[in-house]
């Protein structure tokens, strides 16, 4: 199954996180969930939580019940440099 950045969340690809492009997930028999990593880019801004929306497509021998998922980036408080 393919997954890609829907670019509809509040986080910005390339600024808040690394691009998510044309990546696939493989499910074994009986598996109903998979995880993948998203590289979050640290910054020095004091920001609120931001979201990333990922779309799922092209399942093989399966049916998508929900074709998207939302993840949340919870920023750490900025640190001062002394």
N, C-alpha and C. Protein backbone atom coordinates (compact mmCIF):
# COMPACT_ATOMS: atom_id res chain seq x y z
N UNK A 1 0.84 -1.16 0.00
CA UNK A 1 0.00 0.00 0.00
C UNK A 1 0.89 1.23 0.00
N UNK A 2 0.50 2.20 -0.78
CA UNK A 2 1.29 3.44 -0.84
C UNK A 2 0.78 4.44 0.19
N UNK A 3 1.69 5.27 0.68
CA UNK A 3 1.27 6.40 1.51
C UNK A 3 2.05 7.63 1.09
N UNK A 4 1.40 8.78 1.23
CA UNK A 4 2.02 10.04 0.81
C UNK A 4 1.48 11.19 1.65
N UNK A 5 2.21 12.27 1.66
CA UNK A 5 1.82 13.48 2.38
C UNK A 5 0.62 14.12 1.67
N UNK A 6 -0.46 14.32 2.40
CA UNK A 6 -1.63 14.99 1.82
C UNK A 6 -1.44 16.50 1.76
N UNK A 7 -0.47 16.99 2.50
CA UNK A 7 -0.16 18.43 2.57
C UNK A 7 -1.38 19.27 2.94
N UNK A 8 -2.23 18.72 3.82
CA UNK A 8 -3.39 19.47 4.29
C UNK A 8 -3.35 19.71 5.79
N UNK A 9 -2.30 19.24 6.46
CA UNK A 9 -2.17 19.47 7.89
C UNK A 9 -1.66 20.87 8.16
N UNK A 10 -1.51 21.20 9.43
CA UNK A 10 -1.03 22.53 9.81
C UNK A 10 0.50 22.64 9.79
N UNK A 11 1.19 21.50 9.80
CA UNK A 11 2.66 21.50 9.70
C UNK A 11 3.06 21.65 8.23
N UNK A 12 4.25 22.20 8.01
CA UNK A 12 4.72 22.45 6.66
C UNK A 12 5.84 21.49 6.28
N UNK A 13 5.64 20.73 5.18
CA UNK A 13 6.66 19.82 4.68
C UNK A 13 7.91 20.60 4.31
N UNK A 14 9.06 20.09 4.71
CA UNK A 14 10.32 20.74 4.40
C UNK A 14 10.74 21.77 5.44
N UNK A 15 9.78 22.23 6.24
CA UNK A 15 10.09 23.19 7.31
C UNK A 15 9.93 22.53 8.67
N UNK A 16 8.76 21.93 8.90
CA UNK A 16 8.47 21.28 10.18
C UNK A 16 8.82 19.80 10.18
N UNK A 17 8.85 19.18 9.00
CA UNK A 17 9.17 17.76 8.88
C UNK A 17 9.69 17.48 7.48
N UNK A 18 10.39 16.36 7.35
CA UNK A 18 10.91 15.96 6.05
C UNK A 18 9.81 15.49 5.12
N UNK A 19 10.00 15.65 3.84
CA UNK A 19 8.98 15.28 2.86
C UNK A 19 8.64 13.80 2.92
N UNK A 20 7.37 13.49 2.72
CA UNK A 20 6.87 12.12 2.67
C UNK A 20 6.39 11.91 1.24
N UNK A 21 7.14 11.15 0.45
CA UNK A 21 6.80 11.00 -0.97
C UNK A 21 6.88 9.54 -1.40
N UNK A 22 5.82 9.05 -2.02
CA UNK A 22 5.81 7.76 -2.70
C UNK A 22 6.37 6.58 -1.94
N UNK A 23 6.05 6.45 -0.70
CA UNK A 23 6.57 5.38 0.12
C UNK A 23 5.51 4.29 0.27
N UNK A 24 5.94 3.04 0.49
CA UNK A 24 4.99 1.94 0.60
C UNK A 24 5.10 1.21 1.94
N UNK A 25 3.99 0.59 2.31
CA UNK A 25 3.92 -0.25 3.50
C UNK A 25 3.52 -1.66 3.05
N UNK A 26 4.05 -2.68 3.70
CA UNK A 26 3.68 -4.06 3.41
C UNK A 26 3.02 -4.67 4.64
N UNK A 27 1.91 -5.32 4.42
CA UNK A 27 1.15 -5.96 5.49
C UNK A 27 1.23 -7.47 5.31
N UNK A 28 1.51 -8.18 6.39
CA UNK A 28 1.48 -9.63 6.36
C UNK A 28 0.05 -10.12 6.56
N UNK A 29 -0.17 -11.39 6.37
CA UNK A 29 -1.50 -11.98 6.56
C UNK A 29 -1.99 -11.69 7.98
N UNK A 30 -3.18 -11.14 8.10
CA UNK A 30 -3.78 -10.85 9.39
C UNK A 30 -3.37 -9.52 10.01
N UNK A 31 -2.37 -8.85 9.46
CA UNK A 31 -1.95 -7.55 10.00
C UNK A 31 -2.93 -6.46 9.60
N UNK A 32 -3.24 -5.59 10.53
CA UNK A 32 -4.18 -4.50 10.25
C UNK A 32 -3.58 -3.12 10.53
N UNK A 33 -2.33 -3.06 10.99
CA UNK A 33 -1.70 -1.77 11.29
C UNK A 33 -0.22 -1.83 10.97
N UNK A 34 0.31 -0.71 10.55
CA UNK A 34 1.74 -0.55 10.30
C UNK A 34 2.14 0.84 10.79
N UNK A 35 3.40 1.00 11.12
CA UNK A 35 3.93 2.30 11.54
C UNK A 35 5.02 2.73 10.57
N UNK A 36 5.24 4.01 10.47
CA UNK A 36 6.34 4.55 9.69
C UNK A 36 6.85 5.80 10.40
N UNK A 37 8.07 6.15 10.12
CA UNK A 37 8.69 7.30 10.78
C UNK A 37 8.62 8.55 9.91
N UNK A 38 8.48 9.67 10.55
CA UNK A 38 8.53 10.97 9.89
C UNK A 38 9.60 11.78 10.60
N UNK A 39 10.55 12.29 9.84
CA UNK A 39 11.62 13.09 10.43
C UNK A 39 11.11 14.49 10.74
N UNK A 40 11.07 14.81 12.04
CA UNK A 40 10.61 16.12 12.49
C UNK A 40 11.80 17.05 12.56
N UNK A 41 11.64 18.25 12.02
CA UNK A 41 12.70 19.25 12.01
C UNK A 41 12.58 20.13 13.24
N UNK A 42 13.64 20.19 14.04
CA UNK A 42 13.62 21.05 15.21
C UNK A 42 13.77 22.51 14.81
N UNK A 43 13.18 23.37 15.59
CA UNK A 43 13.36 24.80 15.35
C UNK A 43 13.41 25.53 16.68
N UNK A 44 13.61 26.80 16.63
CA UNK A 44 13.73 27.59 17.86
C UNK A 44 12.47 28.41 18.14
N UNK A 45 11.42 28.20 17.36
CA UNK A 45 10.17 28.93 17.57
C UNK A 45 9.34 28.25 18.64
N UNK A 46 8.63 29.03 19.42
CA UNK A 46 7.70 28.51 20.41
C UNK A 46 6.37 28.33 19.68
N UNK A 47 6.07 27.10 19.27
CA UNK A 47 4.89 26.84 18.45
C UNK A 47 3.88 25.95 19.17
N UNK A 48 2.65 25.98 18.67
CA UNK A 48 1.61 25.07 19.16
C UNK A 48 1.76 23.74 18.42
N UNK A 49 1.02 22.73 18.86
CA UNK A 49 1.02 21.44 18.16
C UNK A 49 0.63 21.65 16.70
N UNK A 50 1.23 20.86 15.81
CA UNK A 50 0.91 20.93 14.39
C UNK A 50 0.60 19.52 13.90
N UNK A 51 -0.16 19.42 12.82
CA UNK A 51 -0.57 18.11 12.32
C UNK A 51 0.01 17.81 10.94
N UNK A 52 0.17 16.50 10.69
CA UNK A 52 0.58 15.97 9.40
C UNK A 52 -0.53 15.02 8.97
N UNK A 53 -1.01 15.16 7.74
CA UNK A 53 -2.04 14.26 7.22
C UNK A 53 -1.40 13.41 6.12
N UNK A 54 -1.59 12.10 6.23
CA UNK A 54 -1.04 11.14 5.28
C UNK A 54 -2.19 10.42 4.60
N UNK A 55 -2.11 10.28 3.27
CA UNK A 55 -3.14 9.54 2.54
C UNK A 55 -2.62 8.15 2.19
N UNK A 56 -3.52 7.19 2.21
CA UNK A 56 -3.21 5.81 1.85
C UNK A 56 -3.86 5.50 0.51
N UNK A 57 -3.19 4.70 -0.32
CA UNK A 57 -3.75 4.36 -1.63
C UNK A 57 -3.18 3.03 -2.13
N UNK A 58 -3.78 2.53 -3.18
CA UNK A 58 -3.32 1.34 -3.91
C UNK A 58 -3.13 0.09 -3.04
N UNK A 59 -4.15 -0.27 -2.26
CA UNK A 59 -4.02 -1.51 -1.50
C UNK A 59 -4.06 -2.72 -2.43
N UNK A 60 -3.35 -3.77 -2.06
CA UNK A 60 -3.35 -5.01 -2.83
C UNK A 60 -4.02 -6.08 -1.98
N UNK A 61 -5.04 -6.73 -2.53
CA UNK A 61 -5.79 -7.78 -1.83
C UNK A 61 -6.37 -7.28 -0.51
N UNK A 62 -6.78 -6.01 -0.49
CA UNK A 62 -7.36 -5.42 0.72
C UNK A 62 -8.26 -4.26 0.31
N UNK A 63 -9.05 -3.81 1.27
CA UNK A 63 -9.91 -2.65 1.06
C UNK A 63 -9.60 -1.62 2.14
N UNK A 64 -9.46 -0.37 1.74
CA UNK A 64 -9.23 0.70 2.71
C UNK A 64 -10.56 1.11 3.34
N UNK A 65 -10.61 1.10 4.66
CA UNK A 65 -11.79 1.59 5.37
C UNK A 65 -11.65 3.10 5.54
N UNK A 66 -10.46 3.54 5.88
CA UNK A 66 -10.14 4.97 6.01
C UNK A 66 -8.88 5.23 5.20
N UNK A 67 -8.92 6.20 4.29
CA UNK A 67 -7.81 6.42 3.37
C UNK A 67 -6.87 7.54 3.80
N UNK A 68 -6.97 7.97 5.05
CA UNK A 68 -6.03 8.99 5.53
C UNK A 68 -5.83 8.84 7.04
N UNK A 69 -4.75 9.41 7.51
CA UNK A 69 -4.46 9.40 8.94
C UNK A 69 -3.78 10.71 9.32
N UNK A 70 -3.95 11.12 10.56
CA UNK A 70 -3.38 12.37 11.03
C UNK A 70 -2.44 12.11 12.19
N UNK A 71 -1.25 12.70 12.11
CA UNK A 71 -0.27 12.63 13.19
C UNK A 71 -0.06 14.02 13.75
N UNK A 72 0.36 14.09 15.00
CA UNK A 72 0.57 15.39 15.65
C UNK A 72 2.03 15.56 16.03
N UNK A 73 2.59 16.71 15.69
CA UNK A 73 3.93 17.09 16.13
C UNK A 73 3.73 17.94 17.39
N UNK A 74 4.25 17.46 18.50
CA UNK A 74 4.19 18.20 19.75
C UNK A 74 5.57 18.78 20.01
N UNK A 75 5.72 20.09 19.84
CA UNK A 75 7.05 20.68 19.96
C UNK A 75 7.54 20.73 21.40
N UNK A 76 8.84 20.62 21.53
CA UNK A 76 9.47 20.82 22.83
C UNK A 76 9.61 22.31 23.06
N UNK A 77 9.61 22.75 24.31
CA UNK A 77 9.81 24.20 24.52
C UNK A 77 11.19 24.63 24.03
N UNK A 78 11.30 25.85 23.47
CA UNK A 78 12.60 26.31 23.01
C UNK A 78 13.58 26.43 24.18
N UNK A 79 14.85 26.14 23.89
CA UNK A 79 15.88 26.26 24.91
C UNK A 79 16.69 27.53 24.66
N UNK A 80 17.05 28.18 25.72
CA UNK A 80 17.89 29.36 25.55
C UNK A 80 19.36 28.94 25.52
N UNK A 81 20.13 29.66 24.77
CA UNK A 81 21.56 29.40 24.67
C UNK A 81 22.28 30.42 25.54
N UNK A 82 23.15 29.92 26.39
CA UNK A 82 23.88 30.84 27.30
C UNK A 82 25.33 30.85 26.97
